[in-house]
Amino acid sequence: MKIVIADDELRLRKIVAMHLKKSGFEVYEANNGKDAVELVEKIVPDVIVLDINMPVMDGFQAAEEIKRKDNLKNIPIIFLTARSDMESMQKGDELNAAHYLTKPFSPKELINKIRGLV
């Protein structure tokens, strides 16, 4: 199963990628929303994990861009973010996010959420 993870915080992205790889997933990484969209278009992953606060293009903008494309719009998106405010969570719902996880988070919980999607 292919997963794209986008987070501008390198250390966190590497930790998440390591846990996902150890669980048997094929992981591709991006450090901003724009790069994530390009990677998703190229790879067409099974699941996308997006941070919200990223440079160039934030996670919400990236999700909107992905959802506009017919061949990508049904890929489940999980927001993994420090933003725990109600407005952000509602925006995640509006974008039909499969899950909305806040940092700090449990890698095991993320893996279970991913496995539950496919």
N, C-alpha and C. Protein backbone atom coordinates (compact mmCIF):
# COMPACT_ATOMS: atom_id res chain seq x y z
N MET A 1 0.84 -1.18 0.00
CA MET A 1 0.00 0.00 0.00
C MET A 1 0.89 1.24 0.00
N LYS A 2 0.57 2.18 -0.89
CA LYS A 2 1.36 3.41 -1.03
C LYS A 2 0.73 4.55 -0.23
N ILE A 3 1.58 5.25 0.50
CA ILE A 3 1.13 6.37 1.33
C ILE A 3 2.01 7.58 1.05
N VAL A 4 1.39 8.73 0.84
CA VAL A 4 2.11 10.00 0.75
C VAL A 4 1.90 10.71 2.08
N ILE A 5 3.01 11.14 2.69
CA ILE A 5 2.94 11.93 3.91
C ILE A 5 3.58 13.28 3.65
N ALA A 6 2.88 14.34 4.03
CA ALA A 6 3.40 15.69 3.84
C ALA A 6 3.41 16.42 5.17
N ASP A 7 4.60 16.84 5.58
CA ASP A 7 4.78 17.61 6.81
C ASP A 7 6.08 18.36 6.66
N ASP A 8 6.07 19.65 6.99
CA ASP A 8 7.29 20.44 6.84
C ASP A 8 8.27 20.22 7.99
N GLU A 9 7.84 19.56 9.04
CA GLU A 9 8.71 19.26 10.17
C GLU A 9 9.44 17.94 9.88
N LEU A 10 10.69 18.05 9.44
CA LEU A 10 11.46 16.90 8.97
C LEU A 10 11.51 15.77 9.99
N ARG A 11 11.82 16.10 11.23
CA ARG A 11 11.98 15.07 12.25
C ARG A 11 10.70 14.27 12.44
N LEU A 12 9.59 14.96 12.53
CA LEU A 12 8.30 14.29 12.70
C LEU A 12 7.96 13.45 11.47
N ARG A 13 8.19 14.01 10.29
CA ARG A 13 7.90 13.28 9.05
C ARG A 13 8.71 11.98 8.98
N LYS A 14 9.97 12.05 9.37
CA LYS A 14 10.84 10.87 9.33
C LYS A 14 10.37 9.82 10.35
N ILE A 15 9.92 10.27 11.52
CA ILE A 15 9.42 9.33 12.53
C ILE A 15 8.17 8.62 12.02
N VAL A 16 7.25 9.40 11.46
CA VAL A 16 6.02 8.81 10.92
C VAL A 16 6.35 7.85 9.79
N ALA A 17 7.23 8.27 8.89
CA ALA A 17 7.62 7.42 7.76
C ALA A 17 8.24 6.11 8.25
N MET A 18 9.08 6.20 9.27
CA MET A 18 9.73 5.01 9.81
C MET A 18 8.69 4.02 10.35
N HIS A 19 7.73 4.52 11.12
CA HIS A 19 6.69 3.65 11.67
C HIS A 19 5.85 3.02 10.55
N LEU A 20 5.52 3.81 9.55
CA LEU A 20 4.72 3.28 8.45
C LEU A 20 5.49 2.23 7.66
N LYS A 21 6.76 2.49 7.40
CA LYS A 21 7.59 1.52 6.67
C LYS A 21 7.72 0.22 7.45
N LYS A 22 7.92 0.33 8.77
CA LYS A 22 8.03 -0.87 9.61
C LYS A 22 6.74 -1.68 9.61
N SER A 23 5.64 -1.02 9.30
CA SER A 23 4.34 -1.70 9.24
C SER A 23 4.03 -2.21 7.84
N GLY A 24 4.99 -2.09 6.95
CA GLY A 24 4.85 -2.66 5.61
C GLY A 24 4.33 -1.74 4.53
N PHE A 25 4.20 -0.46 4.83
CA PHE A 25 3.71 0.48 3.83
C PHE A 25 4.84 1.04 2.99
N GLU A 26 4.52 1.39 1.75
CA GLU A 26 5.44 2.06 0.84
C GLU A 26 5.20 3.56 1.04
N VAL A 27 6.21 4.29 1.52
CA VAL A 27 6.01 5.68 1.95
C VAL A 27 6.75 6.66 1.04
N TYR A 28 6.05 7.73 0.68
CA TYR A 28 6.62 8.82 -0.11
C TYR A 28 6.43 10.10 0.70
N GLU A 29 7.44 10.96 0.70
CA GLU A 29 7.41 12.14 1.57
C GLU A 29 7.47 13.45 0.78
N ALA A 30 6.77 14.44 1.33
CA ALA A 30 6.81 15.80 0.79
C ALA A 30 6.90 16.75 1.98
N ASN A 31 7.54 17.91 1.76
CA ASN A 31 7.70 18.85 2.87
C ASN A 31 6.80 20.08 2.77
N ASN A 32 5.91 20.10 1.78
CA ASN A 32 4.91 21.16 1.71
C ASN A 32 3.73 20.67 0.86
N GLY A 33 2.65 21.42 0.90
CA GLY A 33 1.44 21.01 0.20
C GLY A 33 1.58 20.92 -1.31
N LYS A 34 2.32 21.86 -1.88
CA LYS A 34 2.50 21.86 -3.34
C LYS A 34 3.24 20.61 -3.79
N ASP A 35 4.32 20.28 -3.09
CA ASP A 35 5.06 19.06 -3.42
C ASP A 35 4.21 17.82 -3.20
N ALA A 36 3.36 17.87 -2.17
CA ALA A 36 2.47 16.74 -1.90
C ALA A 36 1.50 16.51 -3.05
N VAL A 37 0.91 17.58 -3.56
CA VAL A 37 -0.02 17.45 -4.69
C VAL A 37 0.69 16.85 -5.89
N GLU A 38 1.88 17.34 -6.19
CA GLU A 38 2.64 16.81 -7.33
C GLU A 38 2.97 15.33 -7.14
N LEU A 39 3.34 14.97 -5.92
CA LEU A 39 3.66 13.57 -5.61
C LEU A 39 2.43 12.68 -5.73
N VAL A 40 1.31 13.16 -5.24
CA VAL A 40 0.05 12.41 -5.32
C VAL A 40 -0.34 12.20 -6.79
N GLU A 41 -0.18 13.22 -7.62
CA GLU A 41 -0.51 13.10 -9.04
C GLU A 41 0.38 12.06 -9.72
N LYS A 42 1.64 12.01 -9.31
CA LYS A 42 2.61 11.10 -9.91
C LYS A 42 2.42 9.66 -9.43
N ILE A 43 2.20 9.48 -8.14
CA ILE A 43 2.18 8.14 -7.54
C ILE A 43 0.78 7.54 -7.45
N VAL A 44 -0.24 8.38 -7.26
CA VAL A 44 -1.62 7.96 -7.00
C VAL A 44 -1.62 6.95 -5.84
N PRO A 45 -1.38 7.46 -4.62
CA PRO A 45 -1.29 6.57 -3.46
C PRO A 45 -2.64 6.05 -3.00
N ASP A 46 -2.59 5.14 -2.04
CA ASP A 46 -3.81 4.58 -1.46
C ASP A 46 -4.36 5.48 -0.35
N VAL A 47 -3.45 6.19 0.34
CA VAL A 47 -3.81 7.08 1.45
C VAL A 47 -2.86 8.27 1.44
N ILE A 48 -3.38 9.44 1.87
CA ILE A 48 -2.57 10.66 1.98
C ILE A 48 -2.65 11.14 3.42
N VAL A 49 -1.49 11.45 4.01
CA VAL A 49 -1.43 12.00 5.36
C VAL A 49 -0.88 13.41 5.25
N LEU A 50 -1.69 14.41 5.65
CA LEU A 50 -1.30 15.81 5.48
C LEU A 50 -1.26 16.56 6.79
N ASP A 51 -0.18 17.31 7.00
CA ASP A 51 -0.16 18.32 8.04
C ASP A 51 -0.95 19.50 7.48
N ILE A 52 -1.41 20.39 8.33
CA ILE A 52 -2.12 21.57 7.84
C ILE A 52 -1.18 22.75 7.68
N ASN A 53 -0.40 23.03 8.70
CA ASN A 53 0.51 24.18 8.67
C ASN A 53 1.80 23.84 7.93
N MET A 54 1.82 24.19 6.65
CA MET A 54 3.02 23.96 5.83
C MET A 54 3.24 25.17 4.94
N PRO A 55 4.49 25.39 4.54
CA PRO A 55 4.78 26.51 3.64
C PRO A 55 4.33 26.20 2.20
N VAL A 56 4.36 27.20 1.39
CA VAL A 56 4.03 27.16 -0.05
C VAL A 56 2.53 26.92 -0.26
N MET A 57 2.03 25.79 0.24
CA MET A 57 0.61 25.45 0.15
C MET A 57 0.28 24.65 1.41
N ASP A 58 -0.73 25.09 2.17
CA ASP A 58 -1.04 24.35 3.39
C ASP A 58 -1.82 23.07 3.08
N GLY A 59 -2.03 22.27 4.11
CA GLY A 59 -2.70 20.98 3.93
C GLY A 59 -4.13 21.09 3.43
N PHE A 60 -4.85 22.11 3.89
CA PHE A 60 -6.21 22.30 3.39
C PHE A 60 -6.21 22.62 1.90
N GLN A 61 -5.32 23.52 1.48
CA GLN A 61 -5.23 23.86 0.06
C GLN A 61 -4.83 22.64 -0.77
N ALA A 62 -3.89 21.86 -0.25
CA ALA A 62 -3.46 20.65 -0.97
C ALA A 62 -4.63 19.68 -1.12
N ALA A 63 -5.38 19.49 -0.03
CA ALA A 63 -6.54 18.58 -0.09
C ALA A 63 -7.57 19.07 -1.10
N GLU A 64 -7.82 20.38 -1.12
CA GLU A 64 -8.77 20.94 -2.09
C GLU A 64 -8.30 20.68 -3.51
N GLU A 65 -7.02 20.88 -3.76
CA GLU A 65 -6.45 20.65 -5.09
C GLU A 65 -6.59 19.18 -5.50
N ILE A 66 -6.29 18.28 -4.58
CA ILE A 66 -6.39 16.84 -4.86
C ILE A 66 -7.84 16.45 -5.12
N LYS A 67 -8.76 16.96 -4.32
CA LYS A 67 -10.18 16.60 -4.46
C LYS A 67 -10.79 17.11 -5.77
N ARG A 68 -10.15 18.09 -6.41
CA ARG A 68 -10.66 18.62 -7.70
C ARG A 68 -10.38 17.67 -8.87
N LYS A 69 -9.47 16.75 -8.68
CA LYS A 69 -9.05 15.87 -9.79
C LYS A 69 -9.82 14.54 -9.72
N ASP A 70 -10.49 14.21 -10.81
CA ASP A 70 -11.34 13.01 -10.83
C ASP A 70 -10.61 11.74 -10.44
N ASN A 71 -9.37 11.58 -10.89
CA ASN A 71 -8.65 10.34 -10.61
C ASN A 71 -8.06 10.30 -9.20
N LEU A 72 -8.14 11.41 -8.46
CA LEU A 72 -7.55 11.48 -7.12
C LEU A 72 -8.57 11.73 -6.02
N LYS A 73 -9.75 12.20 -6.39
CA LYS A 73 -10.70 12.72 -5.40
C LYS A 73 -11.17 11.69 -4.37
N ASN A 74 -11.06 10.41 -4.67
CA ASN A 74 -11.53 9.39 -3.73
C ASN A 74 -10.43 8.81 -2.84
N ILE A 75 -9.21 9.33 -2.97
CA ILE A 75 -8.13 8.86 -2.11
C ILE A 75 -8.38 9.39 -0.70
N PRO A 76 -8.40 8.51 0.30
CA PRO A 76 -8.63 8.98 1.67
C PRO A 76 -7.50 9.90 2.15
N ILE A 77 -7.90 10.97 2.83
CA ILE A 77 -6.94 11.92 3.39
C ILE A 77 -7.08 11.92 4.90
N ILE A 78 -5.94 11.81 5.57
CA ILE A 78 -5.89 11.93 7.02
C ILE A 78 -5.12 13.20 7.34
N PHE A 79 -5.74 14.10 8.08
CA PHE A 79 -5.02 15.28 8.55
C PHE A 79 -4.33 14.91 9.86
N LEU A 80 -3.04 15.18 9.93
CA LEU A 80 -2.24 14.93 11.13
C LEU A 80 -1.61 16.27 11.48
N THR A 81 -2.15 16.95 12.50
CA THR A 81 -1.82 18.35 12.71
C THR A 81 -1.82 18.74 14.18
N ALA A 82 -1.18 19.84 14.46
CA ALA A 82 -1.21 20.41 15.81
C ALA A 82 -2.47 21.24 16.02
N ARG A 83 -3.18 21.54 14.96
CA ARG A 83 -4.38 22.40 15.05
C ARG A 83 -5.56 21.61 15.58
N SER A 84 -5.97 21.96 16.80
CA SER A 84 -7.07 21.25 17.44
C SER A 84 -8.30 22.13 17.62
N ASP A 85 -8.31 23.30 16.98
CA ASP A 85 -9.45 24.20 17.11
C ASP A 85 -10.64 23.69 16.29
N MET A 86 -11.81 24.04 16.73
CA MET A 86 -13.05 23.56 16.12
C MET A 86 -13.16 23.97 14.65
N GLU A 87 -12.72 25.18 14.32
CA GLU A 87 -12.79 25.66 12.94
C GLU A 87 -11.96 24.77 12.00
N SER A 88 -10.77 24.39 12.44
CA SER A 88 -9.92 23.52 11.61
C SER A 88 -10.53 22.14 11.45
N MET A 89 -11.07 21.61 12.55
CA MET A 89 -11.69 20.29 12.48
C MET A 89 -12.91 20.31 11.55
N GLN A 90 -13.69 21.40 11.60
CA GLN A 90 -14.84 21.52 10.70
C GLN A 90 -14.38 21.60 9.25
N LYS A 91 -13.29 22.32 9.01
CA LYS A 91 -12.74 22.42 7.65
C LYS A 91 -12.33 21.02 7.17
N GLY A 92 -11.73 20.24 8.05
CA GLY A 92 -11.38 18.86 7.71
C GLY A 92 -12.61 18.06 7.32
N ASP A 93 -13.69 18.23 8.06
CA ASP A 93 -14.95 17.55 7.74
C ASP A 93 -15.49 18.01 6.39
N GLU A 94 -15.43 19.31 6.14
CA GLU A 94 -15.91 19.85 4.86
C GLU A 94 -15.13 19.27 3.68
N LEU A 95 -13.86 18.96 3.91
CA LEU A 95 -13.02 18.39 2.85
C LEU A 95 -13.12 16.86 2.82
N ASN A 96 -14.08 16.33 3.58
CA ASN A 96 -14.31 14.88 3.63
C ASN A 96 -13.07 14.09 4.05
N ALA A 97 -12.34 14.62 5.02
CA ALA A 97 -11.18 13.90 5.53
C ALA A 97 -11.64 12.58 6.14
N ALA A 98 -10.87 11.55 5.90
CA ALA A 98 -11.19 10.24 6.48
C ALA A 98 -11.00 10.29 7.99
N HIS A 99 -9.95 11.00 8.42
CA HIS A 99 -9.66 11.14 9.86
C HIS A 99 -8.97 12.47 10.09
N TYR A 100 -9.05 12.94 11.32
CA TYR A 100 -8.40 14.18 11.74
C TYR A 100 -7.72 13.87 13.07
N LEU A 101 -6.40 13.70 13.04
CA LEU A 101 -5.63 13.38 14.24
C LEU A 101 -4.81 14.58 14.66
N THR A 102 -4.76 14.82 15.96
CA THR A 102 -3.98 15.96 16.45
C THR A 102 -2.68 15.48 17.10
N LYS A 103 -1.66 16.32 16.95
CA LYS A 103 -0.36 16.05 17.57
C LYS A 103 -0.41 16.56 19.01
N PRO A 104 0.22 15.89 19.94
CA PRO A 104 0.94 14.62 19.77
C PRO A 104 -0.04 13.48 19.48
N PHE A 105 0.44 12.47 18.81
CA PHE A 105 -0.41 11.37 18.38
C PHE A 105 0.32 10.05 18.62
N SER A 106 -0.40 8.99 18.52
CA SER A 106 0.17 7.65 18.64
C SER A 106 0.40 7.08 17.25
N PRO A 107 1.64 6.72 16.91
CA PRO A 107 1.88 6.09 15.60
C PRO A 107 1.00 4.85 15.39
N LYS A 108 0.77 4.11 16.46
CA LYS A 108 -0.07 2.91 16.36
C LYS A 108 -1.49 3.30 15.96
N GLU A 109 -2.00 4.40 16.53
CA GLU A 109 -3.34 4.87 16.18
C GLU A 109 -3.40 5.26 14.70
N LEU A 110 -2.38 5.97 14.22
CA LEU A 110 -2.33 6.35 12.81
C LEU A 110 -2.33 5.12 11.92
N ILE A 111 -1.52 4.15 12.24
CA ILE A 111 -1.43 2.91 11.45
C ILE A 111 -2.78 2.19 11.45
N ASN A 112 -3.43 2.12 12.60
CA ASN A 112 -4.75 1.49 12.66
C ASN A 112 -5.78 2.23 11.82
N LYS A 113 -5.73 3.55 11.84
CA LYS A 113 -6.65 4.36 11.02
C LYS A 113 -6.41 4.09 9.54
N ILE A 114 -5.14 4.02 9.15
CA ILE A 114 -4.80 3.75 7.74
C ILE A 114 -5.30 2.37 7.33
N ARG A 115 -5.02 1.38 8.15
CA ARG A 115 -5.45 0.02 7.83
C ARG A 115 -6.98 -0.08 7.73
N GLY A 116 -7.67 0.72 8.51
CA GLY A 116 -9.13 0.70 8.48
C GLY A 116 -9.72 1.32 7.22
N LEU A 117 -8.89 2.01 6.46
CA LEU A 117 -9.38 2.70 5.25
C LEU A 117 -9.35 1.82 4.00
N VAL A 118 -8.50 0.81 4.00
CA VAL A 118 -8.34 0.01 2.77
C VAL A 118 -8.59 -1.45 2.98
